[in-house]
C-alpha atoms as a PDB file:
ATOM      1  CA  MET A   1     -25.722  -5.057 -10.577  1.00  0.00           C
ATOM      2  CA  PRO A   2     -22.173  -5.911  -9.403  1.00  0.00           C
ATOM      3  CA  ARG A   3     -20.951  -9.439 -10.093  1.00  0.00           C
ATOM      4  CA  VAL A   4     -20.244 -11.931  -7.325  1.00  0.00           C
ATOM      5  CA  ILE A   5     -16.992 -11.044  -5.562  1.00  0.00           C
ATOM      6  CA  GLU A   6     -14.432 -13.748  -4.770  1.00  0.00           C
ATOM      7  CA  CYS A   7     -11.457 -11.585  -3.745  1.00  0.00           C
ATOM      8  CA  LEU A   8     -11.116  -8.158  -2.110  1.00  0.00           C
ATOM      9  CA  LEU A   9      -8.027  -6.212  -3.205  1.00  0.00           C
ATOM     10  CA  LEU A  10      -7.187  -3.046  -1.299  1.00  0.00           C
ATOM     11  CA  ASP A  11      -4.973  -0.015  -1.602  1.00  0.00           C
ATOM     12  CA  PHE A  12      -2.937   0.716   1.532  1.00  0.00           C
ATOM     13  CA  ASP A  13      -2.234   4.445   2.005  1.00  0.00           C
ATOM     14  CA  GLY A  14      -5.507   6.351   1.987  1.00  0.00           C
ATOM     15  CA  VAL A  15      -7.724   3.307   2.529  1.00  0.00           C
ATOM     16  CA  LEU A  16      -6.272   1.196   5.356  1.00  0.00           C
ATOM     17  CA  VAL A  17      -4.184   3.947   6.914  1.00  0.00           C
ATOM     18  CA  ARG A  18      -3.911   7.725   6.847  1.00  0.00           C
ATOM     19  CA  TYR A  19      -0.384   8.489   5.700  1.00  0.00           C
ATOM     20  CA  ALA A  20       1.390  11.742   6.613  1.00  0.00           C
ATOM     21  CA  ARG A  21       4.628  12.145   4.678  1.00  0.00           C
ATOM     22  CA  HIS A  22       5.840  15.024   6.852  1.00  0.00           C
ATOM     23  CA  LEU A  23       5.727  12.799   9.942  1.00  0.00           C
ATOM     24  CA  ARG A  24       7.817  10.186   8.184  1.00  0.00           C
ATOM     25  CA  VAL A  25      10.365  12.801   7.141  1.00  0.00           C
ATOM     26  CA  ARG A  26      10.486  14.257  10.651  1.00  0.00           C
ATOM     27  CA  HIS A  27      10.878  10.840  12.313  1.00  0.00           C
ATOM     28  CA  LEU A  28      13.661   9.713   9.999  1.00  0.00           C
ATOM     29  CA  ALA A  29      15.474  13.033  10.395  1.00  0.00           C
ATOM     30  CA  ALA A  30      15.377  12.718  14.177  1.00  0.00           C
ATOM     31  CA  SER A  31      16.627   9.127  14.089  1.00  0.00           C
ATOM     32  CA  VAL A  32      19.679   9.927  11.958  1.00  0.00           C
ATOM     33  CA  GLY A  33      20.412  13.399  13.325  1.00  0.00           C
ATOM     34  CA  CYS A  34      19.816  15.625  10.337  1.00  0.00           C
ATOM     35  CA  SER A  35      17.223  18.190   9.268  1.00  0.00           C
ATOM     36  CA  PRO A  36      13.815  17.280   7.841  1.00  0.00           C
ATOM     37  CA  ALA A  37      14.673  19.386   4.792  1.00  0.00           C
ATOM     38  CA  HIS A  38      17.695  17.183   4.159  1.00  0.00           C
ATOM     39  CA  VAL A  39      15.581  14.010   4.352  1.00  0.00           C
ATOM     40  CA  GLN A  40      12.913  15.509   2.099  1.00  0.00           C
ATOM     41  CA  ALA A  41      15.534  16.355  -0.516  1.00  0.00           C
ATOM     42  CA  ALA A  42      17.279  12.972  -0.329  1.00  0.00           C
ATOM     43  CA  LEU A  43      14.154  10.833  -0.301  1.00  0.00           C
ATOM     44  CA  PHE A  44      11.552  12.628  -2.367  1.00  0.00           C
ATOM     45  CA  ASP A  45      12.956  15.623  -4.261  1.00  0.00           C
ATOM     46  CA  SER A  46      15.716  13.433  -5.718  1.00  0.00           C
ATOM     47  CA  GLY A  47      13.266  10.897  -7.152  1.00  0.00           C
ATOM     48  CA  LEU A  48      14.757   8.109  -5.019  1.00  0.00           C
ATOM     49  CA  GLU A  49      11.436   7.112  -3.444  1.00  0.00           C
ATOM     50  CA  ARG A  50       9.743   6.823  -6.822  1.00  0.00           C
ATOM     51  CA  ALA A  51      12.640   4.727  -8.113  1.00  0.00           C
ATOM     52  CA  TYR A  52      12.146   2.378  -5.162  1.00  0.00           C
ATOM     53  CA  ASP A  53       8.418   2.229  -5.834  1.00  0.00           C
ATOM     54  CA  THR A  54       9.119   1.118  -9.395  1.00  0.00           C
ATOM     55  CA  GLY A  55      11.673  -1.603  -8.817  1.00  0.00           C
ATOM     56  CA  MET A  56      14.938  -0.435  -7.237  1.00  0.00           C
ATOM     57  CA  ALA A  57      16.345  -3.125  -4.938  1.00  0.00           C
ATOM     58  CA  THR A  58      15.973  -2.449  -1.217  1.00  0.00           C
ATOM     59  CA  ASP A  59      19.697  -2.716  -0.478  1.00  0.00           C
ATOM     60  CA  ALA A  60      20.556  -0.204  -3.206  1.00  0.00           C
ATOM     61  CA  TYR A  61      17.776   2.124  -2.082  1.00  0.00           C
ATOM     62  CA  LEU A  62      18.860   2.155   1.572  1.00  0.00           C
ATOM     63  CA  ARG A  63      22.502   2.550   0.572  1.00  0.00           C
ATOM     64  CA  GLN A  64      21.765   5.488  -1.731  1.00  0.00           C
ATOM     65  CA  LEU A  65      19.565   7.137   0.914  1.00  0.00           C
ATOM     66  CA  GLY A  66      22.293   6.692   3.513  1.00  0.00           C
ATOM     67  CA  GLU A  67      24.913   8.157   1.210  1.00  0.00           C
ATOM     68  CA  ALA A  68      22.740  11.215   0.604  1.00  0.00           C
ATOM     69  CA  LEU A  69      22.309  11.704   4.356  1.00  0.00           C
ATOM     70  CA  HIS A  70      25.916  10.735   5.219  1.00  0.00           C
ATOM     71  CA  VAL A  71      24.769   7.977   7.561  1.00  0.00           C
ATOM     72  CA  THR A  72      23.906   4.283   7.466  1.00  0.00           C
ATOM     73  CA  ILE A  73      20.170   3.628   7.206  1.00  0.00           C
ATOM     74  CA  SER A  74      18.895   0.260   8.439  1.00  0.00           C
ATOM     75  CA  SER A  75      15.668  -1.350   7.329  1.00  0.00           C
ATOM     76  CA  ALA A  76      14.463  -1.077  10.946  1.00  0.00           C
ATOM     77  CA  GLN A  77      15.011   2.706  10.942  1.00  0.00           C
ATOM     78  CA  TRP A  78      13.186   2.999   7.638  1.00  0.00           C
ATOM     79  CA  GLN A  79      10.290   0.907   8.915  1.00  0.00           C
ATOM     80  CA  ALA A  80      10.037   2.885  12.151  1.00  0.00           C
ATOM     81  CA  ALA A  81       9.724   6.146  10.221  1.00  0.00           C
ATOM     82  CA  ARG A  82       7.110   4.656   7.887  1.00  0.00           C
ATOM     83  CA  ILE A  83       5.111   3.302  10.819  1.00  0.00           C
ATOM     84  CA  ALA A  84       5.265   6.673  12.584  1.00  0.00           C
ATOM     85  CA  ALA A  85       3.651   8.267   9.529  1.00  0.00           C
ATOM     86  CA  CYS A  86       0.661   5.889   9.394  1.00  0.00           C
ATOM     87  CA  ALA A  87      -2.557   5.990  11.405  1.00  0.00           C
ATOM     88  CA  PRO A  88      -4.632   2.817  10.867  1.00  0.00           C
ATOM     89  CA  GLU A  89      -8.264   3.398   9.929  1.00  0.00           C
ATOM     90  CA  ALA A  90      -9.822   1.397  12.765  1.00  0.00           C
ATOM     91  CA  GLY A  91     -13.367   1.361  11.383  1.00  0.00           C
ATOM     92  CA  VAL A  92     -12.227   0.154   7.965  1.00  0.00           C
ATOM     93  CA  ILE A  93      -9.928  -2.483   9.428  1.00  0.00           C
ATOM     94  CA  GLU A  94     -12.690  -3.875  11.629  1.00  0.00           C
ATOM     95  CA  ARG A  95     -14.887  -4.348   8.566  1.00  0.00           C
ATOM     96  CA  ILE A  96     -12.068  -6.039   6.672  1.00  0.00           C
ATOM     97  CA  GLU A  97     -11.412  -8.387   9.594  1.00  0.00           C
ATOM     98  CA  ARG A  98     -15.005  -9.609   9.265  1.00  0.00           C
ATOM     99  CA  ILE A  99     -14.795  -9.922   5.485  1.00  0.00           C
ATOM    100  CA  ALA A 100     -11.490 -11.832   5.693  1.00  0.00           C
ATOM    101  CA  ARG A 101     -13.188 -14.632   7.643  1.00  0.00           C
ATOM    102  CA  THR A 102     -14.991 -15.741   4.482  1.00  0.00           C
ATOM    103  CA  LEU A 103     -13.280 -13.995   1.551  1.00  0.00           C
ATOM    104  CA  PRO A 104      -9.627 -13.853   0.423  1.00  0.00           C
ATOM    105  CA  ILE A 105      -8.127 -10.374   0.712  1.00  0.00           C
ATOM    106  CA  GLY A 106      -4.962  -8.744  -0.599  1.00  0.00           C
ATOM    107  CA  ILE A 107      -3.168  -5.411  -0.818  1.00  0.00           C
ATOM    108  CA  LEU A 108      -1.820  -3.706  -3.929  1.00  0.00           C
ATOM    109  CA  THR A 109       0.218  -0.630  -3.068  1.00  0.00           C
ATOM    110  CA  ASN A 110       2.528   1.778  -4.870  1.00  0.00           C
ATOM    111  CA  ASN A 111       5.406   1.293  -2.461  1.00  0.00           C
ATOM    112  CA  GLY A 112       8.834  -0.273  -2.344  1.00  0.00           C
ATOM    113  CA  ALA A 113       9.291  -3.949  -1.549  1.00  0.00           C
ATOM    114  CA  LEU A 114      10.095  -3.359   2.135  1.00  0.00           C
ATOM    115  CA  MET A 115       6.470  -2.376   2.714  1.00  0.00           C
ATOM    116  CA  ALA A 116       5.477  -6.032   2.378  1.00  0.00           C
ATOM    117  CA  GLN A 117       7.278  -6.616   5.690  1.00  0.00           C
ATOM    118  CA  THR A 118       6.120  -3.344   7.235  1.00  0.00           C
ATOM    119  CA  ILE A 119       2.368  -3.567   6.631  1.00  0.00           C
ATOM    120  CA  PRO A 120       1.859  -6.579   8.964  1.00  0.00           C
ATOM    121  CA  LEU A 121       3.495  -4.556  11.748  1.00  0.00           C
ATOM    122  CA  LEU A 122       0.933  -1.813  11.178  1.00  0.00           C
ATOM    123  CA  LEU A 123      -2.028  -4.175  10.753  1.00  0.00           C
ATOM    124  CA  PRO A 124      -1.316  -7.117  13.074  1.00  0.00           C
ATOM    125  CA  SER A 125      -4.955  -8.226  13.187  1.00  0.00           C
ATOM    126  CA  LEU A 126      -4.859  -8.769   9.409  1.00  0.00           C
ATOM    127  CA  ALA A 127      -1.357 -10.250   9.203  1.00  0.00           C
ATOM    128  CA  GLY A 128      -2.595 -13.814   8.925  1.00  0.00           C
ATOM    129  CA  ALA A 129      -5.105 -13.090   6.182  1.00  0.00           C
ATOM    130  CA  LEU A 130      -2.522 -11.031   4.292  1.00  0.00           C
ATOM    131  CA  HIS A 131       0.361 -13.514   4.523  1.00  0.00           C
ATOM    132  CA  GLY A 132       1.902 -13.714   1.047  1.00  0.00           C
ATOM    133  CA  ARG A 133      -0.806 -11.409  -0.301  1.00  0.00           C
ATOM    134  CA  ILE A 134       0.795  -7.953   0.025  1.00  0.00           C
ATOM    135  CA  LEU A 135       1.836  -6.825  -3.443  1.00  0.00           C
ATOM    136  CA  CYS A 136       4.128  -3.809  -3.762  1.00  0.00           C
ATOM    137  CA  SER A 137       4.783  -1.979  -6.996  1.00  0.00           C
ATOM    138  CA  GLY A 138       8.502  -2.054  -6.217  1.00  0.00           C
ATOM    139  CA  ALA A 139       8.462  -5.856  -6.308  1.00  0.00           C
ATOM    140  CA  LEU A 140       6.150  -6.045  -9.337  1.00  0.00           C
ATOM    141  CA  GLY A 141       8.128  -3.550 -11.410  1.00  0.00           C
ATOM    142  CA  ARG A 142       5.155  -1.363 -12.336  1.00  0.00           C
ATOM    143  CA  ARG A 143       2.816   1.042 -10.589  1.00  0.00           C
ATOM    144  CA  LYS A 144      -0.881   1.717 -10.427  1.00  0.00           C
ATOM    145  CA  PRO A 145      -2.754   2.898 -12.458  1.00  0.00           C
ATOM    146  CA  ASP A 146      -1.096   0.759 -15.170  1.00  0.00           C
ATOM    147  CA  PRO A 147      -3.757  -1.863 -16.022  1.00  0.00           C
ATOM    148  CA  ALA A 148      -0.970  -4.430 -16.388  1.00  0.00           C
ATOM    149  CA  VAL A 149      -0.182  -4.268 -12.662  1.00  0.00           C
ATOM    150  CA  PHE A 150      -3.751  -5.242 -11.830  1.00  0.00           C
ATOM    151  CA  THR A 151      -3.622  -8.180 -14.247  1.00  0.00           C
ATOM    152  CA  GLN A 152      -0.347  -9.239 -12.629  1.00  0.00           C
ATOM    153  CA  ALA A 153      -1.811  -8.851  -9.134  1.00  0.00           C
ATOM    154  CA  VAL A 154      -4.895 -11.000  -9.663  1.00  0.00           C
ATOM    155  CA  ALA A 155      -2.761 -13.711 -11.279  1.00  0.00           C
ATOM    156  CA  LEU A 156      -0.400 -13.755  -8.292  1.00  0.00           C
ATOM    157  CA  LEU A 157      -3.354 -13.945  -5.916  1.00  0.00           C
ATOM    158  CA  GLY A 158      -4.958 -16.773  -7.864  1.00  0.00           C
ATOM    159  CA  ALA A 159      -8.062 -14.650  -8.454  1.00  0.00           C
ATOM    160  CA  ARG A 160     -10.197 -13.755 -11.443  1.00  0.00           C
ATOM    161  CA  ALA A 161     -10.250 -10.112 -12.509  1.00  0.00           C
ATOM    162  CA  GLU A 162     -13.997 -10.013 -13.060  1.00  0.00           C
ATOM    163  CA  ARG A 163     -14.629 -11.496  -9.594  1.00  0.00           C
ATOM    164  CA  THR A 164     -12.163  -9.197  -7.777  1.00  0.00           C
ATOM    165  CA  LEU A 165     -13.206  -5.949  -6.100  1.00  0.00           C
ATOM    166  CA  PHE A 166     -10.472  -3.324  -5.848  1.00  0.00           C
ATOM    167  CA  ILE A 167     -10.836  -0.290  -3.553  1.00  0.00           C
ATOM    168  CA  ASP A 168      -8.546   2.756  -3.735  1.00  0.00           C
ATOM    169  CA  ASP A 169      -8.749   6.366  -2.585  1.00  0.00           C
ATOM    170  CA  LEU A 170      -7.652   7.668  -6.014  1.00  0.00           C
ATOM    171  CA  PHE A 171     -10.001   7.428  -8.978  1.00  0.00           C
ATOM    172  CA  THR A 172      -7.121   7.238 -11.452  1.00  0.00           C
ATOM    173  CA  ASN A 173      -6.174   3.881  -9.905  1.00  0.00           C
ATOM    174  CA  VAL A 174      -9.790   2.732  -9.909  1.00  0.00           C
ATOM    175  CA  ARG A 175      -9.964   3.520 -13.615  1.00  0.00           C
ATOM    176  CA  GLY A 176      -6.818   1.473 -14.268  1.00  0.00           C
ATOM    177  CA  ALA A 177      -8.315  -1.476 -12.394  1.00  0.00           C
ATOM    178  CA  ARG A 178     -11.520  -1.267 -14.395  1.00  0.00           C
ATOM    179  CA  GLN A 179      -9.530  -1.247 -17.620  1.00  0.00           C
ATOM    180  CA  ALA A 180      -7.974  -4.503 -16.461  1.00  0.00           C
ATOM    181  CA  GLY A 181     -11.447  -6.009 -15.942  1.00  0.00           C
ATOM    182  CA  LEU A 182     -11.732  -5.722 -12.151  1.00  0.00           C
ATOM    183  CA  GLN A 183     -14.690  -4.388 -10.252  1.00  0.00           C
ATOM    184  CA  ALA A 184     -13.316  -1.197  -8.691  1.00  0.00           C
ATOM    185  CA  GLU A 185     -14.550   1.634  -6.491  1.00  0.00           C
ATOM    186  CA  THR A 186     -13.227   4.722  -4.731  1.00  0.00           C
ATOM    187  CA  ALA A 187     -13.357   5.092  -0.942  1.00  0.00           C
ATOM    188  CA  THR A 188     -11.655   7.875   0.993  1.00  0.00           C
ATOM    189  CA  ASP A 189     -12.990   7.261   4.504  1.00  0.00           C
ATOM    190  CA  ARG A 190     -14.790   4.739   6.705  1.00  0.00           C
ATOM    191  CA  ARG A 191     -18.245   5.859   5.627  1.00  0.00           C
ATOM    192  CA  ALA A 192     -17.452   5.603   1.922  1.00  0.00           C
ATOM    193  CA  PHE A 193     -15.797   2.227   2.458  1.00  0.00           C
ATOM    194  CA  GLY A 194     -18.879   0.962   4.277  1.00  0.00           C
ATOM    195  CA  LYS A 195     -21.117   2.036   1.407  1.00  0.00           C
ATOM    196  CA  VAL A 196     -18.948   0.194  -1.109  1.00  0.00           C
ATOM    197  CA  ILE A 197     -18.881  -3.112   0.726  1.00  0.00           C
ATOM    198  CA  LYS A 198     -22.610  -2.880   1.366  1.00  0.00           C
ATOM    199  CA  ARG A 199     -23.241  -2.252  -2.341  1.00  0.00           C
ATOM    200  CA  TYR A 200     -21.280  -5.408  -3.163  1.00  0.00           C
ATOM    201  CA  ALA A 201     -23.035  -7.419  -0.429  1.00  0.00           C
ATOM    202  CA  LEU A 202     -19.828  -7.901   1.560  1.00  0.00           C
ATOM    203  CA  ALA A 203     -21.062  -6.200   4.745  1.00  0.00           C
END
């Protein structure tokens, strides 16, 4: 029987939104006037995106990306491309809106620090509940599934690991959360998410 839950911690890509990397690449390429292949090489093949996800400063990241593409990249351009690549999961978000009325929520995502400012633009109905509660691996200096990042996250949220439910679309991250003492489950779509929150009496 699951323990009482006092905090709901959520992954972002794959749970709250459907993320399509190719759309992000295409949008950014169009905005700066280069080929998608060039953006793919500069952002992902080079390892730059992973470096940002694990702690590179935003200014250095945008500067290095711009240098690789021979343009200046603004945070607004970056955000626009990221937003273009995300389709919010309406059914999941509606459920979370109801849960957030009575239970603290948060996000833990393997993304660079700029995503903390971008997520509220994608999920405006949850912006209030998520204020100060969007945790990015790039700001924390470590990535899921490292159990230490979950311990760090619950401490920052003022929660208790054993009373926190974490939901992710990847089981490797769920396993890391469990190793850190959290309740954790996998959900890859609205139906699976609904089953999880019902099982934990959050519905």
